[in-house]
Amino acid sequence: MTLCGLIFYNGKHMTRFQKIIISFLSIIAICLVVGLGFYTYQTYQAVAAQPLGPSLPTFAPQTLPPTWTASPGPAPTSQGLVTLVPTVSFPTNTPVAKCNGPGIMNILVVGTDARADNYTYGLADAIRLVRVDFVTPKVTVLEFPRDLWVEIPHIADNLNGQDHEKLNQAFLYGQPGFKYWDDPSEGSGLLALTLNLNFGAQIDHYITVNMRTFENVINALGGIEVTIKNQETARTADLPIGTHQLNGAEALKLVRNRESGNFGRADNQSLVLCALRKKLNNPTIVTQIPELIEAFKDNIRTDFTPAQLSQLACLATQMPPENISLVSFPQDLFTNTREFDPVFDKRVSILAADHNILRDYVSRFHSGLWPLPNAPLQITDEEDEPMVCE
């Protein structure tokens, strides 16, 4: 018999004082349960809202493409006043962000070539700007070539006035080994600031992974499956046509393959990203994402909160494969050339480009106007078509 049943059964044998004591203890027990639940909820909310790493600095405001014009306001009357006409309001279907997301989220994803478990040194070996649309939902990933010659802020005082280097070195100079930029976000923050300064990139969050952690994550997922469909891809990836199961070391070798140059390596990285997306969308893996985050949170640099990571994991389960696009700038915008680098005291190989043109692409990328069919500046060259994850 339960305690409540026992109390009911023996109620007539209890004294008035005993009944009062029992009632008082029951109220205290209920209050304790409610209080504990409230405390647990508050603690969870506090932990979920706590960033896992230092936040990014504040960026300059984004400039809109030069072809955009502001919407005209109401025309003035002859007296210079605006006449307000009564209107009838009808309910509208306002788009709602899925998974309690922010609408649009821009993420800098960095793959560093550091081989150790720490992040003391390392160049940015892979640089991606990810636009996450929680309303559509849609994810678009833009690759930035690592050899772009750019202005890097906060380094001139440490390099005898030299303020231009390759884009991938922005990450290195912000790391603790150099620490040319005294900010808690270190190399990830300095790279984000460099992308903003040169190309107007607006970045909300960052995720940085070194090579050893990349291997370990792939292995923890049980490997990935990469499909090579044609001879051109086979040549770039250095793999035969067909489907291949890759472990962490093999996946790392693929993303770092330089035999086909910078653009070929970017294609290889896109293959791995698509394979990762397919793996993470597996229902059995989705349930493991919180454990994976917990296992690798000390090996990955990010300013995401656990709540924001949960939003992304939630969105992944609702994302149609065709809504994930991997895009690169058209190759004809870049020129392989050499630039004298005072740091190395020699001419180094770089990629030169018109930053104004790239800035316009980035602005349209942020606005969701590129890549889109028939949109201004849409890539039409077959080899530059956005890659869609299957």
Protein backbone atom coordinates (compact mmCIF):
# COMPACT_ATOMS: atom_id res chain seq x y z
CA MET A 1 0.00 0.00 0.00
CA THR A 2 1.29 3.46 -0.86
CA LEU A 3 2.02 6.10 1.73
CA CYS A 4 -0.99 8.13 0.59
CA GLY A 5 -3.22 5.04 0.75
CA LEU A 6 -1.90 4.20 4.19
CA ILE A 7 -2.60 7.71 5.42
CA PHE A 8 -6.15 7.56 3.98
CA TYR A 9 -6.78 4.13 5.50
CA ASN A 10 -5.54 5.04 8.95
CA GLY A 11 -6.77 8.62 8.86
CA LYS A 12 -9.56 8.00 11.35
CA HIS A 13 -7.04 6.57 13.84
CA MET A 14 -4.73 9.61 13.66
CA THR A 15 -4.86 12.45 16.08
CA ARG A 16 -5.48 15.95 14.83
CA PHE A 17 -1.84 16.82 15.61
CA GLN A 18 -0.55 13.86 13.55
CA LYS A 19 -2.66 14.89 10.57
CA ILE A 20 -1.27 18.42 10.74
CA ILE A 21 2.32 17.08 10.84
CA ILE A 22 1.70 14.80 7.84
CA SER A 23 0.14 17.64 5.85
CA PHE A 24 3.00 19.98 6.75
CA LEU A 25 5.66 17.43 5.71
CA SER A 26 3.82 16.79 2.41
CA ILE A 27 3.84 20.51 1.60
CA ILE A 28 7.57 20.72 2.39
CA ALA A 29 8.26 17.70 0.14
CA ILE A 30 6.33 19.27 -2.75
CA CYS A 31 8.20 22.56 -2.27
CA LEU A 32 11.54 20.73 -2.28
CA VAL A 33 10.69 18.89 -5.50
CA VAL A 34 9.52 22.09 -7.21
CA GLY A 35 12.56 24.00 -5.93
CA LEU A 36 14.96 21.30 -7.08
CA GLY A 37 13.32 21.22 -10.50
CA PHE A 38 13.52 24.99 -10.79
CA TYR A 39 17.18 25.00 -9.67
CA THR A 40 18.05 22.25 -12.16
CA TYR A 41 16.31 24.15 -14.95
CA GLN A 42 18.08 27.39 -14.04
CA THR A 43 21.43 25.61 -13.88
CA TYR A 44 20.84 24.00 -17.27
CA GLN A 45 19.87 27.34 -18.76
CA ALA A 46 23.00 28.97 -17.37
CA VAL A 47 25.28 26.20 -18.65
CA ALA A 48 23.54 26.06 -22.03
CA ALA A 49 24.00 29.81 -22.49
CA GLN A 50 27.69 29.80 -21.55
CA PRO A 51 30.04 30.02 -24.59
CA LEU A 52 32.59 27.22 -24.85
CA GLY A 53 35.29 29.75 -25.77
CA PRO A 54 36.04 33.48 -26.12
CA SER A 55 33.63 35.44 -28.32
CA LEU A 56 34.63 37.22 -31.52
CA PRO A 57 35.38 40.95 -31.63
CA THR A 58 32.91 43.47 -33.02
CA PHE A 59 33.15 43.86 -36.79
CA ALA A 60 32.61 46.81 -39.08
CA PRO A 61 29.04 47.07 -40.46
CA GLN A 62 28.37 45.26 -43.71
CA THR A 63 28.05 47.36 -46.87
CA LEU A 64 25.35 46.42 -49.36
CA PRO A 65 26.13 45.73 -53.03
CA PRO A 66 26.37 48.94 -55.10
CA THR A 67 23.41 47.86 -57.26
CA TRP A 68 21.04 47.94 -54.29
CA THR A 69 18.87 51.01 -53.67
CA ALA A 70 16.76 51.95 -50.69
CA SER A 71 12.99 51.61 -51.01
CA PRO A 72 11.36 55.01 -51.66
CA GLY A 73 9.25 56.47 -48.88
CA PRO A 74 5.75 57.95 -49.24
CA ALA A 75 5.52 60.96 -51.56
CA PRO A 76 4.94 64.29 -49.78
CA THR A 77 1.70 66.23 -50.32
CA SER A 78 1.63 69.82 -51.55
CA GLN A 79 1.82 70.96 -47.91
CA GLY A 80 4.87 68.79 -47.35
CA LEU A 81 2.91 66.41 -45.15
CA VAL A 82 2.06 62.76 -45.60
CA THR A 83 -1.63 61.81 -45.59
CA LEU A 84 -2.27 58.59 -43.73
CA VAL A 85 -5.01 56.49 -45.30
CA PRO A 86 -6.90 54.01 -43.11
CA THR A 87 -5.93 50.47 -43.96
CA VAL A 88 -7.32 47.05 -43.16
CA SER A 89 -4.87 44.57 -41.67
CA PHE A 90 -4.96 40.92 -42.62
CA PRO A 91 -3.06 38.13 -40.89
CA THR A 92 0.12 37.09 -42.70
CA ASN A 93 2.20 33.96 -42.50
CA THR A 94 5.47 35.26 -41.06
CA PRO A 95 8.35 32.81 -41.63
CA VAL A 96 9.48 31.23 -38.39
CA ALA A 97 13.02 30.07 -37.72
CA LYS A 98 13.26 26.35 -37.05
CA CYS A 99 14.82 24.88 -33.91
CA ASN A 100 14.53 28.27 -32.14
CA GLY A 101 17.36 29.52 -34.32
CA PRO A 102 18.29 33.17 -34.94
CA GLY A 103 17.11 33.32 -38.56
CA ILE A 104 20.56 33.64 -40.13
CA MET A 105 23.84 32.55 -38.56
CA ASN A 106 27.28 33.07 -40.14
CA ILE A 107 30.04 30.74 -38.99
CA LEU A 108 33.78 30.75 -39.67
CA VAL A 109 35.08 27.18 -39.89
CA VAL A 110 38.87 26.80 -39.72
CA GLY A 111 40.92 23.68 -40.25
CA THR A 112 44.43 24.30 -38.95
CA ASP A 113 47.53 22.32 -39.91
CA ALA A 114 48.68 22.06 -36.29
CA ARG A 115 49.58 18.43 -35.65
CA ALA A 116 49.69 18.64 -31.85
CA ASP A 117 46.69 18.52 -29.53
CA ASN A 118 47.22 22.18 -28.62
CA TYR A 119 46.64 25.33 -30.66
CA THR A 120 49.89 27.18 -29.90
CA TYR A 121 50.86 27.45 -33.58
CA GLY A 122 49.38 26.44 -36.93
CA LEU A 123 48.29 27.97 -40.24
CA ALA A 124 44.68 28.03 -41.44
CA ASP A 125 44.78 25.11 -43.86
CA ALA A 126 41.05 25.28 -44.71
CA ILE A 127 38.91 28.42 -44.44
CA ARG A 128 35.13 28.29 -44.88
CA LEU A 129 32.37 30.84 -44.29
CA VAL A 130 29.09 29.04 -43.54
CA ARG A 131 25.71 30.76 -43.87
CA VAL A 132 23.02 28.89 -41.94
CA ASP A 133 19.43 29.85 -42.78
CA PHE A 134 17.14 28.56 -40.02
CA VAL A 135 13.99 29.69 -41.85
CA THR A 136 14.31 27.97 -45.26
CA PRO A 137 16.27 25.87 -43.94
CA LYS A 138 19.46 26.06 -45.98
CA VAL A 139 23.23 25.94 -45.54
CA THR A 140 25.69 27.52 -47.96
CA VAL A 141 29.44 27.10 -47.54
CA LEU A 142 31.89 29.54 -49.18
CA GLU A 143 35.57 28.62 -49.52
CA PHE A 144 38.29 31.26 -49.17
CA PRO A 145 41.65 30.41 -50.82
CA ARG A 146 44.36 30.28 -48.16
CA ASP A 147 46.98 31.97 -50.39
CA LEU A 148 45.08 35.23 -50.90
CA TRP A 149 47.35 38.25 -50.32
CA VAL A 150 45.54 40.34 -47.70
CA GLU A 151 46.00 43.06 -45.11
CA ILE A 152 46.18 41.59 -41.62
CA PRO A 153 45.39 44.04 -38.81
CA HIS A 154 47.45 44.29 -35.59
CA ILE A 155 50.64 42.70 -37.00
CA ALA A 156 52.60 45.68 -38.35
CA ASP A 157 54.16 46.57 -34.99
CA ASN A 158 55.59 43.07 -34.74
CA LEU A 159 56.79 42.83 -38.36
CA ASN A 160 58.61 46.15 -38.80
CA GLY A 161 55.63 47.76 -40.52
CA GLN A 162 54.71 44.77 -42.69
CA ASP A 163 50.89 44.45 -42.68
CA HIS A 164 50.23 42.18 -45.69
CA GLU A 165 50.61 38.41 -45.70
CA LYS A 166 48.78 35.34 -46.95
CA LEU A 167 45.29 34.86 -45.53
CA ASN A 168 46.21 31.62 -43.75
CA GLN A 169 48.90 33.46 -41.74
CA ALA A 170 46.29 35.65 -40.05
CA PHE A 171 45.37 32.64 -37.94
CA LEU A 172 49.01 31.87 -37.10
CA TYR A 173 49.81 35.42 -35.96
CA GLY A 174 46.87 35.43 -33.59
CA GLN A 175 47.83 32.17 -31.87
CA PRO A 176 49.61 32.09 -28.49
CA GLY A 177 52.92 31.13 -30.15
CA PHE A 178 53.07 34.55 -31.84
CA LYS A 179 50.29 36.49 -30.12
CA TYR A 180 50.55 39.53 -32.39
CA TRP A 181 46.96 40.24 -31.40
CA ASP A 182 46.15 40.34 -27.71
CA ASP A 183 42.57 39.07 -27.75
CA PRO A 184 41.09 35.96 -26.10
CA SER A 185 39.71 34.71 -29.44
CA GLU A 186 43.32 34.30 -30.65
CA GLY A 187 43.89 33.11 -34.22
CA SER A 188 40.23 32.44 -34.97
CA GLY A 189 39.35 36.02 -34.03
CA LEU A 190 42.22 37.59 -36.00
CA LEU A 191 41.32 35.53 -39.08
CA ALA A 192 37.67 36.59 -38.75
CA LEU A 193 38.75 40.22 -38.39
CA THR A 194 40.97 39.90 -41.48
CA LEU A 195 38.10 38.49 -43.56
CA ASN A 196 35.92 41.36 -42.40
CA LEU A 197 38.55 44.02 -43.18
CA ASN A 198 39.36 42.73 -46.67
CA PHE A 199 36.05 41.29 -47.84
CA GLY A 200 33.31 42.58 -45.53
CA ALA A 201 32.62 39.12 -44.10
CA GLN A 202 30.18 39.22 -41.16
CA ILE A 203 30.89 36.37 -38.76
CA ASP A 204 28.82 35.44 -35.71
CA HIS A 205 30.68 32.37 -34.47
CA TYR A 206 33.73 30.25 -35.17
CA ILE A 207 34.74 26.59 -35.01
CA THR A 208 38.43 25.67 -35.27
CA VAL A 209 39.74 22.11 -35.53
CA ASN A 210 43.35 20.89 -35.73
CA MET A 211 44.46 17.89 -37.76
CA ARG A 212 44.65 15.39 -34.89
CA THR A 213 41.18 16.29 -33.65
CA PHE A 214 39.83 16.04 -37.21
CA GLU A 215 41.16 12.49 -37.44
CA ASN A 216 39.74 11.56 -34.06
CA VAL A 217 36.28 12.97 -34.89
CA ILE A 218 36.12 11.00 -38.15
CA ASN A 219 37.15 7.84 -36.32
CA ALA A 220 34.60 8.48 -33.56
CA LEU A 221 31.91 8.64 -36.25
CA GLY A 222 33.02 5.28 -37.61
CA GLY A 223 34.61 6.79 -40.72
CA ILE A 224 32.97 8.45 -43.72
CA GLU A 225 31.88 7.26 -47.16
CA VAL A 226 33.17 9.18 -50.18
CA THR A 227 31.95 8.49 -53.72
CA ILE A 228 34.18 9.33 -56.71
CA LYS A 229 31.92 9.62 -59.76
CA ASN A 230 34.21 10.63 -62.63
CA GLN A 231 37.80 10.59 -63.78
CA GLU A 232 38.33 14.31 -63.12
CA THR A 233 37.34 13.90 -59.47
CA ALA A 234 39.41 10.71 -59.26
CA ARG A 235 42.46 12.63 -60.49
CA THR A 236 41.95 15.44 -58.00
CA ALA A 237 41.24 13.14 -55.06
CA ASP A 238 43.90 10.57 -56.04
CA LEU A 239 41.30 7.83 -55.60
CA PRO A 240 39.78 5.42 -58.16
CA ILE A 241 36.18 5.82 -59.32
CA GLY A 242 33.78 4.22 -56.87
CA THR A 243 32.73 4.39 -53.22
CA HIS A 244 35.39 4.44 -50.52
CA GLN A 245 35.15 4.07 -46.75
CA LEU A 246 37.75 6.38 -45.21
CA ASN A 247 39.04 6.48 -41.67
CA GLY A 248 40.36 9.63 -40.00
CA ALA A 249 43.88 9.43 -41.41
CA GLU A 250 42.63 8.70 -44.94
CA ALA A 251 40.10 11.56 -44.79
CA LEU A 252 42.85 13.93 -43.60
CA LYS A 253 45.09 12.85 -46.47
CA LEU A 254 42.26 13.60 -48.91
CA VAL A 255 41.51 17.11 -47.61
CA ARG A 256 45.23 18.00 -47.63
CA ASN A 257 45.98 16.59 -51.11
CA ARG A 258 47.72 19.38 -53.06
CA GLU A 259 48.48 17.56 -56.30
CA SER A 260 45.79 19.54 -58.18
CA GLY A 261 46.58 22.91 -56.61
CA ASN A 262 44.54 25.08 -54.26
CA PHE A 263 41.26 24.74 -56.14
CA GLY A 264 41.58 20.96 -56.47
CA ARG A 265 42.23 20.69 -52.76
CA ALA A 266 39.13 22.81 -52.08
CA ASP A 267 37.09 20.32 -54.13
CA ASN A 268 38.50 17.45 -52.06
CA GLN A 269 37.54 19.24 -48.87
CA SER A 270 34.02 19.71 -50.21
CA LEU A 271 33.78 15.96 -50.85
CA VAL A 272 34.65 15.29 -47.22
CA LEU A 273 32.22 17.97 -45.97
CA CYS A 274 29.39 16.34 -47.92
CA ALA A 275 30.36 12.93 -46.55
CA LEU A 276 30.40 14.34 -43.01
CA ARG A 277 26.98 15.90 -43.53
CA LYS A 278 25.58 12.55 -44.72
CA LYS A 279 27.10 10.77 -41.74
CA LEU A 280 25.84 13.29 -39.19
CA ASN A 281 22.33 13.09 -40.63
CA ASN A 282 22.18 9.39 -39.78
CA PRO A 283 19.58 8.99 -36.99
CA THR A 284 21.94 6.79 -34.98
CA ILE A 285 24.65 9.47 -35.12
CA VAL A 286 22.35 12.41 -34.37
CA THR A 287 21.59 10.96 -30.95
CA GLN A 288 25.34 10.80 -30.26
CA ILE A 289 26.05 14.45 -31.13
CA PRO A 290 25.83 15.71 -27.50
CA GLU A 291 28.29 12.99 -26.40
CA LEU A 292 30.61 13.83 -29.31
CA ILE A 293 30.52 17.51 -28.38
CA GLU A 294 31.30 16.66 -24.76
CA ALA A 295 34.13 14.33 -25.78
CA PHE A 296 35.84 16.85 -28.06
CA LYS A 297 34.95 20.18 -26.45
CA ASP A 298 38.47 20.53 -25.03
CA ASN A 299 40.04 19.80 -28.44
CA ILE A 300 37.92 22.13 -30.56
CA ARG A 301 38.03 25.91 -30.36
CA THR A 302 34.60 27.55 -30.59
CA ASP A 303 32.51 30.31 -29.05
CA PHE A 304 29.25 28.40 -29.47
CA THR A 305 27.10 27.74 -26.45
CA PRO A 306 25.72 24.23 -25.88
CA ALA A 307 22.25 25.63 -26.65
CA GLN A 308 23.42 26.96 -30.04
CA LEU A 309 25.09 23.66 -30.87
CA SER A 310 21.80 21.94 -30.06
CA GLN A 311 20.05 24.30 -32.49
CA LEU A 312 22.47 23.28 -35.26
CA ALA A 313 22.06 19.59 -34.43
CA CYS A 314 18.29 20.02 -34.54
CA LEU A 315 18.47 21.78 -37.92
CA ALA A 316 20.63 19.00 -39.37
CA THR A 317 17.76 16.55 -38.90
CA GLN A 318 15.43 18.81 -40.93
CA MET A 319 17.84 19.79 -43.72
CA PRO A 320 17.08 18.41 -47.21
CA PRO A 321 20.35 17.33 -48.91
CA GLU A 322 19.67 19.61 -51.89
CA ASN A 323 19.62 22.61 -49.53
CA ILE A 324 23.33 22.27 -48.74
CA SER A 325 25.57 24.01 -51.28
CA LEU A 326 29.36 24.24 -51.32
CA VAL A 327 30.54 27.16 -53.42
CA SER A 328 33.83 28.76 -54.42
CA PHE A 329 34.65 32.05 -56.09
CA PRO A 330 35.11 31.70 -59.88
CA GLN A 331 38.67 30.62 -60.57
CA ASP A 332 39.16 33.27 -63.25
CA LEU A 333 39.03 35.97 -60.56
CA PHE A 334 42.41 34.84 -59.26
CA THR A 335 45.94 35.13 -60.62
CA ASN A 336 48.87 33.04 -59.47
CA THR A 337 51.76 35.43 -58.99
CA ARG A 338 54.58 36.27 -56.60
CA GLU A 339 54.94 38.98 -54.00
CA PHE A 340 58.00 40.03 -52.06
CA ASP A 341 57.55 39.11 -48.42
CA PRO A 342 59.89 40.98 -46.02
CA VAL A 343 59.20 38.36 -43.34
CA PHE A 344 60.82 35.62 -45.45
CA ASP A 345 63.01 38.09 -47.36
CA LYS A 346 62.01 36.58 -50.70
CA ARG A 347 59.23 36.50 -53.27
CA VAL A 348 56.51 34.04 -52.28
CA SER A 349 53.75 32.44 -54.35
CA ILE A 350 50.34 34.05 -53.73
CA LEU A 351 46.85 34.41 -55.21
CA ALA A 352 46.04 37.95 -56.31
CA ALA A 353 42.46 39.17 -56.82
CA ASP A 354 40.39 42.34 -56.94
CA HIS A 355 39.12 42.62 -53.38
CA ASN A 356 36.22 44.85 -54.42
CA ILE A 357 34.85 42.09 -56.64
CA LEU A 358 35.28 39.49 -53.92
CA ARG A 359 33.66 41.85 -51.42
CA ASP A 360 30.60 42.13 -53.68
CA TYR A 361 30.35 38.34 -53.89
CA VAL A 362 30.58 38.09 -50.10
CA SER A 363 27.89 40.74 -49.64
CA ARG A 364 25.51 38.85 -51.93
CA PHE A 365 26.42 35.59 -50.20
CA HIS A 366 25.41 37.08 -46.85
CA SER A 367 22.18 38.40 -48.35
CA GLY A 368 21.23 35.04 -49.85
CA LEU A 369 21.48 36.36 -53.42
CA TRP A 370 24.46 34.19 -54.39
CA PRO A 371 24.57 31.45 -55.37
CA LEU A 372 21.03 31.48 -56.85
CA PRO A 373 19.80 30.76 -60.39
CA ASN A 374 19.63 33.92 -62.54
CA ALA A 375 20.88 36.14 -59.71
CA PRO A 376 23.46 38.87 -60.42
CA LEU A 377 27.01 37.50 -60.47
CA GLN A 378 25.68 33.94 -60.59
CA ILE A 379 28.38 31.50 -61.61
CA THR A 380 27.61 30.01 -65.01
CA ASP A 381 30.85 28.20 -65.77
CA GLU A 382 30.25 24.47 -65.43
CA GLU A 383 33.44 23.88 -63.46
CA ASP A 384 32.46 26.63 -61.00
CA GLU A 385 28.92 25.43 -60.32
CA PRO A 386 28.08 25.10 -56.62
CA MET A 387 28.47 21.56 -55.33
CA VAL A 388 25.25 20.21 -53.82
CA CYS A 389 25.52 17.50 -51.17
CA GLU A 390 23.47 14.45 -52.08
